[in-house]
Amino acid sequence: MNRIVVGAHYGLKDWLAQRITGVVMAVYTVILMFYLFTGGAASAEAWRATMSGGFMRFISFLFIISLCYHAWVGIRDIWMDYVKPTSVRLTLHTLTLLTLVGVAGWATQIIWRL
């Protein structure tokens, strides 16, 4: 393996980002499940009212950004580990990044449109 290690903390930032975004997504899931199981989404109007509040919009946006960043780190590492030609890897990185930015924008638009 010809991996170049650039220092004692190589990969620490990505490892930490994966853990932090994972915790953010888990907390959001618990909050959402609590809301759903307490009857908060009994109707479309109730769901719309909940998602239109500032707190839910904020934590939903935070979830979307965390999900996309979490996916970016994971997929980027797959491309770096298994795709050897640099031009193909760069193309895949670019397509992945553009897709994730588009998905984040689309999901945010859907949530804020409610």
PDB file of N, CA and C in Angstrom:
ATOM      1  N   MET A   1       0.843  -1.162   0.000  1.00  0.00           N
ATOM      2  CA  MET A   1       0.000   0.000   0.000  1.00  0.00           C
ATOM      3  C   MET A   1       0.898   1.238   0.000  1.00  0.00           C
ATOM      4  N   ASN A   2       0.610   2.185  -0.876  1.00  0.00           N
ATOM      5  CA  ASN A   2       1.428   3.386  -1.008  1.00  0.00           C
ATOM      6  C   ASN A   2       0.739   4.613  -0.457  1.00  0.00           C
ATOM      7  N   ARG A   3       0.128   4.520   0.679  1.00  0.00           N
ATOM      8  CA  ARG A   3      -0.569   5.659   1.277  1.00  0.00           C
ATOM      9  C   ARG A   3       0.453   6.557   1.955  1.00  0.00           C
ATOM     10  N   ILE A   4       0.352   7.838   1.695  1.00  0.00           N
ATOM     11  CA  ILE A   4       1.269   8.799   2.286  1.00  0.00           C
ATOM     12  C   ILE A   4       0.633   9.340   3.562  1.00  0.00           C
ATOM     13  N   VAL A   5       1.289   9.124   4.662  1.00  0.00           N
ATOM     14  CA  VAL A   5       0.804   9.623   5.937  1.00  0.00           C
ATOM     15  C   VAL A   5       1.444  10.985   6.171  1.00  0.00           C
ATOM     16  N   VAL A   6       0.593  11.981   6.452  1.00  0.00           N
ATOM     17  CA  VAL A   6       1.106  13.348   6.534  1.00  0.00           C
ATOM     18  C   VAL A   6       1.304  13.832   7.953  1.00  0.00           C
ATOM     19  N   GLY A   7       1.039  13.026   8.929  1.00  0.00           N
ATOM     20  CA  GLY A   7       1.251  13.450  10.306  1.00  0.00           C
ATOM     21  C   GLY A   7       0.591  12.500  11.276  1.00  0.00           C
ATOM     22  N   ALA A   8       0.761  12.795  12.535  1.00  0.00           N
ATOM     23  CA  ALA A   8       0.242  11.919  13.576  1.00  0.00           C
ATOM     24  C   ALA A   8      -1.287  11.909  13.618  1.00  0.00           C
ATOM     25  N   HIS A   9      -1.918  12.950  13.120  1.00  0.00           N
ATOM     26  CA  HIS A   9      -3.375  13.048  13.188  1.00  0.00           C
ATOM     27  C   HIS A   9      -4.031  12.812  11.837  1.00  0.00           C
ATOM     28  N   TYR A  10      -3.393  12.059  10.975  1.00  0.00           N
ATOM     29  CA  TYR A  10      -3.939  11.766   9.663  1.00  0.00           C
ATOM     30  C   TYR A  10      -5.266  11.044   9.806  1.00  0.00           C
ATOM     31  N   GLY A  11      -6.317  11.612   9.238  1.00  0.00           N
ATOM     32  CA  GLY A  11      -7.633  10.991   9.287  1.00  0.00           C
ATOM     33  C   GLY A  11      -8.449  11.324  10.513  1.00  0.00           C
ATOM     34  N   LEU A  12      -7.887  12.016  11.489  1.00  0.00           N
ATOM     35  CA  LEU A  12      -8.605  12.328  12.719  1.00  0.00           C
ATOM     36  C   LEU A  12      -9.813  13.217  12.451  1.00  0.00           C
ATOM     37  N   LYS A  13      -9.652  14.203  11.576  1.00  0.00           N
ATOM     38  CA  LYS A  13     -10.752  15.127  11.274  1.00  0.00           C
ATOM     39  C   LYS A  13     -11.938  14.379  10.661  1.00  0.00           C
ATOM     40  N   ASP A  14     -11.666  13.490   9.734  1.00  0.00           N
ATOM     41  CA  ASP A  14     -12.738  12.717   9.101  1.00  0.00           C
ATOM     42  C   ASP A  14     -13.374  11.744  10.082  1.00  0.00           C
ATOM     43  N   TRP A  15     -12.566  11.105  10.912  1.00  0.00           N
ATOM     44  CA  TRP A  15     -13.087  10.192  11.911  1.00  0.00           C
ATOM     45  C   TRP A  15     -14.016  10.935  12.868  1.00  0.00           C
ATOM     46  N   LEU A  16     -13.576  12.102  13.321  1.00  0.00           N
ATOM     47  CA  LEU A  16     -14.373  12.917  14.235  1.00  0.00           C
ATOM     48  C   LEU A  16     -15.639  13.427  13.556  1.00  0.00           C
ATOM     49  N   ALA A  17     -15.544  13.840  12.306  1.00  0.00           N
ATOM     50  CA  ALA A  17     -16.721  14.313  11.565  1.00  0.00           C
ATOM     51  C   ALA A  17     -17.749  13.205  11.428  1.00  0.00           C
ATOM     52  N   GLN A  18     -17.317  11.984  11.164  1.00  0.00           N
ATOM     53  CA  GLN A  18     -18.242  10.855  11.055  1.00  0.00           C
ATOM     54  C   GLN A  18     -18.973  10.627  12.375  1.00  0.00           C
ATOM     55  N   ARG A  19     -18.253  10.732  13.477  1.00  0.00           N
ATOM     56  CA  ARG A  19     -18.875  10.507  14.794  1.00  0.00           C
ATOM     57  C   ARG A  19     -19.844  11.630  15.144  1.00  0.00           C
ATOM     58  N   ILE A  20     -19.463  12.864  14.896  1.00  0.00           N
ATOM     59  CA  ILE A  20     -20.324  14.001  15.235  1.00  0.00           C
ATOM     60  C   ILE A  20     -21.578  14.002  14.376  1.00  0.00           C
ATOM     61  N   THR A  21     -21.429  13.807  13.076  1.00  0.00           N
ATOM     62  CA  THR A  21     -22.609  13.793  12.213  1.00  0.00           C
ATOM     63  C   THR A  21     -23.498  12.594  12.539  1.00  0.00           C
ATOM     64  N   GLY A  22     -22.911  11.486  12.924  1.00  0.00           N
ATOM     65  CA  GLY A  22     -23.692  10.321  13.336  1.00  0.00           C
ATOM     66  C   GLY A  22     -24.526  10.612  14.577  1.00  0.00           C
ATOM     67  N   VAL A  23     -23.937  11.308  15.539  1.00  0.00           N
ATOM     68  CA  VAL A  23     -24.669  11.679  16.760  1.00  0.00           C
ATOM     69  C   VAL A  23     -25.795  12.652  16.426  1.00  0.00           C
ATOM     70  N   VAL A  24     -25.525  13.637  15.582  1.00  0.00           N
ATOM     71  CA  VAL A  24     -26.561  14.599  15.187  1.00  0.00           C
ATOM     72  C   VAL A  24     -27.734  13.867  14.537  1.00  0.00           C
ATOM     73  N   MET A  25     -27.443  12.945  13.636  1.00  0.00           N
ATOM     74  CA  MET A  25     -28.510  12.200  12.954  1.00  0.00           C
ATOM     75  C   MET A  25     -29.276  11.298  13.934  1.00  0.00           C
ATOM     76  N   ALA A  26     -28.581  10.700  14.888  1.00  0.00           N
ATOM     77  CA  ALA A  26     -29.242   9.836  15.870  1.00  0.00           C
ATOM     78  C   ALA A  26     -30.166  10.655  16.772  1.00  0.00           C
ATOM     79  N   VAL A  27     -29.705  11.810  17.224  1.00  0.00           N
ATOM     80  CA  VAL A  27     -30.529  12.667  18.081  1.00  0.00           C
ATOM     81  C   VAL A  27     -31.762  13.141  17.323  1.00  0.00           C
ATOM     82  N   TYR A  28     -31.585  13.557  16.081  1.00  0.00           N
ATOM     83  CA  TYR A  28     -32.728  13.987  15.265  1.00  0.00           C
ATOM     84  C   TYR A  28     -33.731  12.843  15.105  1.00  0.00           C
ATOM     85  N   THR A  29     -33.235  11.653  14.862  1.00  0.00           N
ATOM     86  CA  THR A  29     -34.112  10.496  14.688  1.00  0.00           C
ATOM     87  C   THR A  29     -34.911  10.222  15.960  1.00  0.00           C
ATOM     88  N   VAL A  30     -34.281  10.325  17.113  1.00  0.00           N
ATOM     89  CA  VAL A  30     -34.974  10.121  18.388  1.00  0.00           C
ATOM     90  C   VAL A  30     -36.055  11.181  18.570  1.00  0.00           C
ATOM     91  N   ILE A  31     -35.727  12.437  18.288  1.00  0.00           N
ATOM     92  CA  ILE A  31     -36.709  13.528  18.417  1.00  0.00           C
ATOM     93  C   ILE A  31     -37.883  13.282  17.478  1.00  0.00           C
ATOM     94  N   LEU A  32     -37.600  12.927  16.249  1.00  0.00           N
ATOM     95  CA  LEU A  32     -38.658  12.696  15.269  1.00  0.00           C
ATOM     96  C   LEU A  32     -39.510  11.481  15.644  1.00  0.00           C
ATOM     97  N   MET A  33     -38.879  10.408  16.088  1.00  0.00           N
ATOM     98  CA  MET A  33     -39.633   9.220  16.496  1.00  0.00           C
ATOM     99  C   MET A  33     -40.525   9.532  17.702  1.00  0.00           C
ATOM    100  N   PHE A  34     -40.010  10.283  18.662  1.00  0.00           N
ATOM    101  CA  PHE A  34     -40.816  10.680  19.822  1.00  0.00           C
ATOM    102  C   PHE A  34     -42.041  11.458  19.357  1.00  0.00           C
ATOM    103  N   TYR A  35     -41.814  12.384  18.457  1.00  0.00           N
ATOM    104  CA  TYR A  35     -42.918  13.190  17.928  1.00  0.00           C
ATOM    105  C   TYR A  35     -43.946  12.318  17.214  1.00  0.00           C
ATOM    106  N   LEU A  36     -43.480  11.403  16.398  1.00  0.00           N
ATOM    107  CA  LEU A  36     -44.395  10.538  15.647  1.00  0.00           C
ATOM    108  C   LEU A  36     -45.175   9.591  16.555  1.00  0.00           C
ATOM    109  N   PHE A  37     -44.502   9.027  17.566  1.00  0.00           N
ATOM    110  CA  PHE A  37     -45.159   8.067  18.440  1.00  0.00           C
ATOM    111  C   PHE A  37     -46.065   8.712  19.483  1.00  0.00           C
ATOM    112  N   THR A  38     -45.956  10.020  19.666  1.00  0.00           N
ATOM    113  CA  THR A  38     -46.863  10.703  20.593  1.00  0.00           C
ATOM    114  C   THR A  38     -48.058  11.293  19.857  1.00  0.00           C
ATOM    115  N   GLY A  39     -48.205  10.938  18.593  1.00  0.00           N
ATOM    116  CA  GLY A  39     -49.374  11.372  17.831  1.00  0.00           C
ATOM    117  C   GLY A  39     -49.243  12.741  17.212  1.00  0.00           C
ATOM    118  N   GLY A  40     -48.039  13.247  17.106  1.00  0.00           N
ATOM    119  CA  GLY A  40     -47.831  14.588  16.559  1.00  0.00           C
ATOM    120  C   GLY A  40     -48.099  14.701  15.074  1.00  0.00           C
ATOM    121  N   ALA A  41     -48.070  13.593  14.359  1.00  0.00           N
ATOM    122  CA  ALA A  41     -48.269  13.632  12.915  1.00  0.00           C
ATOM    123  C   ALA A  41     -49.563  12.919  12.540  1.00  0.00           C
ATOM    124  N   ALA A  42     -50.603  13.193  13.293  1.00  0.00           N
ATOM    125  CA  ALA A  42     -51.878  12.516  13.052  1.00  0.00           C
ATOM    126  C   ALA A  42     -52.515  12.944  11.740  1.00  0.00           C
ATOM    127  N   SER A  43     -52.146  14.108  11.252  1.00  0.00           N
ATOM    128  CA  SER A  43     -52.704  14.594   9.989  1.00  0.00           C
ATOM    129  C   SER A  43     -51.638  15.377   9.240  1.00  0.00           C
ATOM    130  N   ALA A  44     -51.932  15.626   7.988  1.00  0.00           N
ATOM    131  CA  ALA A  44     -51.002  16.408   7.169  1.00  0.00           C
ATOM    132  C   ALA A  44     -50.865  17.828   7.716  1.00  0.00           C
ATOM    133  N   GLU A  45     -51.947  18.368   8.223  1.00  0.00           N
ATOM    134  CA  GLU A  45     -51.903  19.731   8.775  1.00  0.00           C
ATOM    135  C   GLU A  45     -51.030  19.789  10.031  1.00  0.00           C
ATOM    136  N   ALA A  46     -51.134  18.757  10.882  1.00  0.00           N
ATOM    137  CA  ALA A  46     -50.304  18.714  12.090  1.00  0.00           C
ATOM    138  C   ALA A  46     -48.824  18.592  11.720  1.00  0.00           C
ATOM    139  N   TRP A  47     -48.527  17.751  10.743  1.00  0.00           N
ATOM    140  CA  TRP A  47     -47.143  17.585  10.278  1.00  0.00           C
ATOM    141  C   TRP A  47     -46.620  18.903   9.709  1.00  0.00           C
ATOM    142  N   ARG A  48     -47.417  19.554   8.890  1.00  0.00           N
ATOM    143  CA  ARG A  48     -47.043  20.836   8.290  1.00  0.00           C
ATOM    144  C   ARG A  48     -46.794  21.885   9.365  1.00  0.00           C
ATOM    145  N   ALA A  49     -47.660  21.920  10.382  1.00  0.00           N
ATOM    146  CA  ALA A  49     -47.507  22.892  11.466  1.00  0.00           C
ATOM    147  C   ALA A  49     -46.215  22.649  12.245  1.00  0.00           C
ATOM    148  N   THR A  50     -45.917  21.398  12.502  1.00  0.00           N
ATOM    149  CA  THR A  50     -44.693  21.074  13.231  1.00  0.00           C
ATOM    150  C   THR A  50     -43.456  21.434  12.421  1.00  0.00           C
ATOM    151  N   MET A  51     -43.440  21.064  11.156  1.00  0.00           N
ATOM    152  CA  MET A  51     -42.266  21.312  10.325  1.00  0.00           C
ATOM    153  C   MET A  51     -42.109  22.780   9.950  1.00  0.00           C
ATOM    154  N   SER A  52     -43.134  23.586  10.163  1.00  0.00           N
ATOM    155  CA  SER A  52     -43.011  25.014   9.836  1.00  0.00           C
ATOM    156  C   SER A  52     -42.427  25.808  10.995  1.00  0.00           C
ATOM    157  N   GLY A  53     -42.304  25.188  12.171  1.00  0.00           N
ATOM    158  CA  GLY A  53     -41.720  25.869  13.312  1.00  0.00           C
ATOM    159  C   GLY A  53     -40.220  26.050  13.161  1.00  0.00           C
ATOM    160  N   GLY A  54     -39.699  27.086  13.746  1.00  0.00           N
ATOM    161  CA  GLY A  54     -38.274  27.406  13.619  1.00  0.00           C
ATOM    162  C   GLY A  54     -37.349  26.322  14.140  1.00  0.00           C
ATOM    163  N   PHE A  55     -37.696  25.720  15.281  1.00  0.00           N
ATOM    164  CA  PHE A  55     -36.840  24.692  15.864  1.00  0.00           C
ATOM    165  C   PHE A  55     -36.747  23.473  14.962  1.00  0.00           C
ATOM    166  N   MET A  56     -37.894  22.977  14.483  1.00  0.00           N
ATOM    167  CA  MET A  56     -37.882  21.794  13.613  1.00  0.00           C
ATOM    168  C   MET A  56     -37.193  22.084  12.287  1.00  0.00           C
ATOM    169  N   ARG A  57     -37.384  23.276  11.766  1.00  0.00           N
ATOM    170  CA  ARG A  57     -36.685  23.620  10.521  1.00  0.00           C
ATOM    171  C   ARG A  57     -35.183  23.608  10.729  1.00  0.00           C
ATOM    172  N   PHE A  58     -34.749  24.161  11.846  1.00  0.00           N
ATOM    173  CA  PHE A  58     -33.319  24.221  12.134  1.00  0.00           C
ATOM    174  C   PHE A  58     -32.729  22.829  12.302  1.00  0.00           C
ATOM    175  N   ILE A  59     -33.368  21.998  13.141  1.00  0.00           N
ATOM    176  CA  ILE A  59     -32.770  20.668  13.358  1.00  0.00           C
ATOM    177  C   ILE A  59     -32.925  19.782  12.127  1.00  0.00           C
ATOM    178  N   SER A  60     -33.945  20.008  11.317  1.00  0.00           N
ATOM    179  CA  SER A  60     -34.068  19.254  10.067  1.00  0.00           C
ATOM    180  C   SER A  60     -32.973  19.661   9.087  1.00  0.00           C
ATOM    181  N   PHE A  61     -32.698  20.945   9.005  1.00  0.00           N
ATOM    182  CA  PHE A  61     -31.613  21.441   8.158  1.00  0.00           C
ATOM    183  C   PHE A  61     -30.273  20.884   8.649  1.00  0.00           C
ATOM    184  N   LEU A  62     -30.073  20.886   9.963  1.00  0.00           N
ATOM    185  CA  LEU A  62     -28.848  20.346  10.541  1.00  0.00           C
ATOM    186  C   LEU A  62     -28.714  18.852  10.218  1.00  0.00           C
ATOM    187  N   PHE A  63     -29.831  18.129  10.270  1.00  0.00           N
ATOM    188  CA  PHE A  63     -29.831  16.713   9.915  1.00  0.00           C
ATOM    189  C   PHE A  63     -29.430  16.518   8.453  1.00  0.00           C
ATOM    190  N   ILE A  64     -30.014  17.306   7.561  1.00  0.00           N
ATOM    191  CA  ILE A  64     -29.723  17.177   6.132  1.00  0.00           C
ATOM    192  C   ILE A  64     -28.241  17.439   5.853  1.00  0.00           C
ATOM    193  N   ILE A  65     -27.718  18.505   6.435  1.00  0.00           N
ATOM    194  CA  ILE A  65     -26.297  18.830   6.240  1.00  0.00           C
ATOM    195  C   ILE A  65     -25.417  17.732   6.830  1.00  0.00           C
ATOM    196  N   SER A  66     -25.771  17.238   8.013  1.00  0.00           N
ATOM    197  CA  SER A  66     -24.993  16.160   8.636  1.00  0.00           C
ATOM    198  C   SER A  66     -25.030  14.894   7.786  1.00  0.00           C
ATOM    199  N   LEU A  67     -26.214  14.553   7.285  1.00  0.00           N
ATOM    200  CA  LEU A  67     -26.350  13.362   6.444  1.00  0.00           C
ATOM    201  C   LEU A  67     -25.484  13.470   5.186  1.00  0.00           C
ATOM    202  N   CYS A  68     -25.536  14.617   4.537  1.00  0.00           N
ATOM    203  CA  CYS A  68     -24.756  14.793   3.301  1.00  0.00           C
ATOM    204  C   CYS A  68     -23.259  14.794   3.575  1.00  0.00           C
ATOM    205  N   TYR A  69     -22.830  15.431   4.662  1.00  0.00           N
ATOM    206  CA  TYR A  69     -21.401  15.431   4.969  1.00  0.00           C
ATOM    207  C   TYR A  69     -20.939  14.026   5.362  1.00  0.00           C
ATOM    208  N   HIS A  70     -21.758  13.326   6.135  1.00  0.00           N
ATOM    209  CA  HIS A  70     -21.452  11.953   6.531  1.00  0.00           C
ATOM    210  C   HIS A  70     -21.296  11.069   5.286  1.00  0.00           C
ATOM    211  N   ALA A  71     -22.233  11.223   4.361  1.00  0.00           N
ATOM    212  CA  ALA A  71     -22.164  10.459   3.108  1.00  0.00           C
ATOM    213  C   ALA A  71     -20.941  10.850   2.299  1.00  0.00           C
ATOM    214  N   TRP A  72     -20.623  12.141   2.256  1.00  0.00           N
ATOM    215  CA  TRP A  72     -19.464  12.609   1.499  1.00  0.00           C
ATOM    216  C   TRP A  72     -18.180  11.956   1.999  1.00  0.00           C
ATOM    217  N   VAL A  73     -17.966  11.956   3.305  1.00  0.00           N
ATOM    218  CA  VAL A  73     -16.737  11.379   3.852  1.00  0.00           C
ATOM    219  C   VAL A  73     -16.667   9.887   3.531  1.00  0.00           C
ATOM    220  N   GLY A  74     -17.763   9.184   3.711  1.00  0.00           N
ATOM    221  CA  GLY A  74     -17.768   7.751   3.442  1.00  0.00           C
ATOM    222  C   GLY A  74     -17.546   7.412   1.979  1.00  0.00           C
ATOM    223  N   ILE A  75     -18.274   8.068   1.102  1.00  0.00           N
ATOM    224  CA  ILE A  75     -18.145   7.779  -0.327  1.00  0.00           C
ATOM    225  C   ILE A  75     -16.792   8.232  -0.859  1.00  0.00           C
ATOM    226  N   ARG A  76     -16.325   9.383  -0.394  1.00  0.00           N
ATOM    227  CA  ARG A  76     -15.008   9.868  -0.814  1.00  0.00           C
ATOM    228  C   ARG A  76     -13.925   8.864  -0.455  1.00  0.00           C
ATOM    229  N   ASP A  77     -14.016   8.295   0.743  1.00  0.00           N
ATOM    230  CA  ASP A  77     -13.026   7.311   1.151  1.00  0.00           C
ATOM    231  C   ASP A  77     -13.094   6.045   0.296  1.00  0.00           C
ATOM    232  N   ILE A  78     -14.300   5.655  -0.101  1.00  0.00           N
ATOM    233  CA  ILE A  78     -14.434   4.501  -0.996  1.00  0.00           C
ATOM    234  C   ILE A  78     -13.755   4.800  -2.326  1.00  0.00           C
ATOM    235  N   TRP A  79     -14.009   5.979  -2.896  1.00  0.00           N
ATOM    236  CA  TRP A  79     -13.369   6.335  -4.171  1.00  0.00           C
ATOM    237  C   TRP A  79     -11.846   6.357  -4.006  1.00  0.00           C
ATOM    238  N   MET A  80     -11.360   6.921  -2.902  1.00  0.00           N
ATOM    239  CA  MET A  80      -9.903   7.013  -2.712  1.00  0.00           C
ATOM    240  C   MET A  80      -9.267   5.638  -2.535  1.00  0.00           C
ATOM    241  N   ASP A  81      -9.978   4.717  -1.892  1.00  0.00           N
ATOM    242  CA  ASP A  81      -9.407   3.399  -1.627  1.00  0.00           C
ATOM    243  C   ASP A  81      -9.461   2.456  -2.830  1.00  0.00           C
ATOM    244  N   TYR A  82     -10.519   2.564  -3.648  1.00  0.00           N
ATOM    245  CA  TYR A  82     -10.739   1.536  -4.664  1.00  0.00           C
ATOM    246  C   TYR A  82     -10.622   2.010  -6.110  1.00  0.00           C
ATOM    247  N   VAL A  83     -10.611   3.318  -6.346  1.00  0.00           N
ATOM    248  CA  VAL A  83     -10.488   3.820  -7.721  1.00  0.00           C
ATOM    249  C   VAL A  83      -9.085   4.400  -7.871  1.00  0.00           C
ATOM    250  N   LYS A  84      -8.268   3.724  -8.644  1.00  0.00           N
ATOM    251  CA  LYS A  84      -6.860   4.113  -8.749  1.00  0.00           C
ATOM    252  C   LYS A  84      -6.569   5.204  -9.796  1.00  0.00           C
ATOM    253  N   PRO A  85      -7.187   5.193 -10.976  1.00  0.00           N
ATOM    254  CA  PRO A  85      -6.873   6.262 -11.936  1.00  0.00           C
ATOM    255  C   PRO A  85      -7.344   7.626 -11.402  1.00  0.00           C
ATOM    256  N   THR A  86      -6.431   8.564 -11.344  1.00  0.00           N
ATOM    257  CA  THR A  86      -6.723   9.872 -10.753  1.00  0.00           C
ATOM    258  C   THR A  86      -7.849  10.596 -11.468  1.00  0.00           C
ATOM    259  N   SER A  87      -7.894  10.532 -12.777  1.00  0.00           N
ATOM    260  CA  SER A  87      -8.933  11.256 -13.520  1.00  0.00           C
ATOM    261  C   SER A  87     -10.329  10.690 -13.231  1.00  0.00           C
ATOM    262  N   VAL A  88     -10.422   9.385 -13.123  1.00  0.00           N
ATOM    263  CA  VAL A  88     -11.713   8.757 -12.812  1.00  0.00           C
ATOM    264  C   VAL A  88     -12.120   9.095 -11.382  1.00  0.00           C
ATOM    265  N   ARG A  89     -11.165   9.029 -10.468  1.00  0.00           N
ATOM    266  CA  ARG A  89     -11.437   9.351  -9.068  1.00  0.00           C
ATOM    267  C   ARG A  89     -11.880  10.805  -8.920  1.00  0.00           C
ATOM    268  N   LEU A  90     -11.228  11.728  -9.598  1.00  0.00           N
ATOM    269  CA  LEU A  90     -11.605  13.140  -9.541  1.00  0.00           C
ATOM    270  C   LEU A  90     -13.006  13.358 -10.115  1.00  0.00           C
ATOM    271  N   THR A  91     -13.304  12.662 -11.202  1.00  0.00           N
ATOM    272  CA  THR A  91     -14.645  12.762 -11.794  1.00  0.00           C
ATOM    273  C   THR A  91     -15.702  12.242 -10.816  1.00  0.00           C
ATOM    274  N   LEU A  92     -15.437  11.109 -10.189  1.00  0.00           N
ATOM    275  CA  LEU A  92     -16.375  10.551  -9.222  1.00  0.00           C
ATOM    276  C   LEU A  92     -16.536  11.460  -8.001  1.00  0.00           C
ATOM    277  N   HIS A  93     -15.448  12.032  -7.525  1.00  0.00           N
ATOM    278  CA  HIS A  93     -15.523  12.980  -6.411  1.00  0.00           C
ATOM    279  C   HIS A  93     -16.413  14.166  -6.782  1.00  0.00           C
ATOM    280  N   THR A  94     -16.198  14.703  -7.965  1.00  0.00           N
ATOM    281  CA  THR A  94     -16.971  15.868  -8.414  1.00  0.00           C
ATOM    282  C   THR A  94     -18.447  15.529  -8.550  1.00  0.00           C
ATOM    283  N   LEU A  95     -18.754  14.408  -9.189  1.00  0.00           N
ATOM    284  CA  LEU A  95     -20.152  13.998  -9.351  1.00  0.00           C
ATOM    285  C   LEU A  95     -20.822  13.728  -8.008  1.00  0.00           C
ATOM    286  N   THR A  96     -20.097  13.103  -7.104  1.00  0.00           N
ATOM    287  CA  THR A  96     -20.641  12.831  -5.774  1.00  0.00           C
ATOM    288  C   THR A  96     -20.928  14.124  -5.032  1.00  0.00           C
ATOM    289  N   LEU A  97     -19.977  15.044  -5.063  1.00  0.00           N
ATOM    290  CA  LEU A  97     -20.148  16.324  -4.371  1.00  0.00           C
ATOM    291  C   LEU A  97     -21.319  17.111  -4.947  1.00  0.00           C
ATOM    292  N   LEU A  98     -21.408  17.186  -6.270  1.00  0.00           N
ATOM    293  CA  LEU A  98     -22.515  17.913  -6.895  1.00  0.00           C
ATOM    294  C   LEU A  98     -23.865  17.265  -6.568  1.00  0.00           C
ATOM    295  N   THR A  99     -23.901  15.939  -6.557  1.00  0.00           N
ATOM    296  CA  THR A  99     -25.135  15.236  -6.217  1.00  0.00           C
ATOM    297  C   THR A  99     -25.548  15.522  -4.777  1.00  0.00           C
ATOM    298  N   LEU A 100     -24.608  15.460  -3.856  1.00  0.00           N
ATOM    299  CA  LEU A 100     -24.936  15.693  -2.449  1.00  0.00           C
ATOM    300  C   LEU A 100     -25.361  17.140  -2.190  1.00  0.00           C
ATOM    301  N   VAL A 101     -24.731  18.090  -2.849  1.00  0.00           N
ATOM    302  CA  VAL A 101     -25.149  19.493  -2.709  1.00  0.00           C
ATOM    303  C   VAL A 101     -26.558  19.669  -3.266  1.00  0.00           C
ATOM    304  N   GLY A 102     -26.834  19.043  -4.405  1.00  0.00           N
ATOM    305  CA  GLY A 102     -28.173  19.113  -4.990  1.00  0.00           C
ATOM    306  C   GLY A 102     -29.228  18.478  -4.098  1.00  0.00           C
ATOM    307  N   VAL A 103     -28.913  17.335  -3.525  1.00  0.00           N
ATOM    308  CA  VAL A 103     -29.845  16.653  -2.627  1.00  0.00           C
ATOM    309  C   VAL A 103     -30.099  17.498  -1.380  1.00  0.00           C
ATOM    310  N   ALA A 104     -29.052  18.094  -0.830  1.00  0.00           N
ATOM    311  CA  ALA A 104     -29.216  18.946   0.352  1.00  0.00           C
ATOM    312  C   ALA A 104     -30.106  20.145   0.040  1.00  0.00           C
ATOM    313  N   GLY A 105     -29.886  20.776  -1.102  1.00  0.00           N
ATOM    314  CA  GLY A 105     -30.725  21.905  -1.501  1.00  0.00           C
ATOM    315  C   GLY A 105     -32.168  21.505  -1.734  1.00  0.00           C
ATOM    316  N   TRP A 106     -32.356  20.383  -2.371  1.00  0.00           N
ATOM    317  CA  TRP A 106     -33.699  19.891  -2.670  1.00  0.00           C
ATOM    318  C   TRP A 106     -34.442  19.536  -1.382  1.00  0.00           C
ATOM    319  N   ALA A 107     -33.775  18.819  -0.480  1.00  0.00           N
ATOM    320  CA  ALA A 107     -34.414  18.438   0.789  1.00  0.00           C
ATOM    321  C   ALA A 107     -34.754  19.660   1.622  1.00  0.00           C
ATOM    322  N   THR A 108     -33.861  20.635   1.661  1.00  0.00           N
ATOM    323  CA  THR A 108     -34.119  21.861   2.413  1.00  0.00           C
ATOM    324  C   THR A 108     -35.310  22.607   1.815  1.00  0.00           C
ATOM    325  N   GLN A 109     -35.365  22.678   0.521  1.00  0.00           N
ATOM    326  CA  GLN A 109     -36.487  23.344  -0.151  1.00  0.00           C
ATOM    327  C   GLN A 109     -37.805  22.649   0.190  1.00  0.00           C
ATOM    328  N   ILE A 110     -37.810  21.339   0.203  1.00  0.00           N
ATOM    329  CA  ILE A 110     -39.021  20.593   0.525  1.00  0.00           C
ATOM    330  C   ILE A 110     -39.464  20.887   1.949  1.00  0.00           C
ATOM    331  N   ILE A 111     -38.543  20.852   2.888  1.00  0.00           N
ATOM    332  CA  ILE A 111     -38.887  21.079   4.288  1.00  0.00           C
ATOM    333  C   ILE A 111     -39.348  22.519   4.504  1.00  0.00           C
ATOM    334  N   TRP A 112     -38.665  23.477   3.918  1.00  0.00           N
ATOM    335  CA  TRP A 112     -39.016  24.878   4.149  1.00  0.00           C
ATOM    336  C   TRP A 112     -40.244  25.295   3.366  1.00  0.00           C
ATOM    337  N   ARG A 113     -40.634  24.510   2.382  1.00  0.00           N
ATOM    338  CA  ARG A 113     -41.823  24.826   1.605  1.00  0.00           C
ATOM    339  C   ARG A 113     -43.099  24.441   2.361  1.00  0.00           C
ATOM    340  N   LEU A 114     -42.969  23.520   3.298  1.00  0.00           N
ATOM    341  CA  LEU A 114     -44.143  23.067   4.045  1.00  0.00           C
ATOM    342  C   LEU A 114     -44.751  24.212   4.711  1.00  0.00           C
TER     343      LEU A 114
END
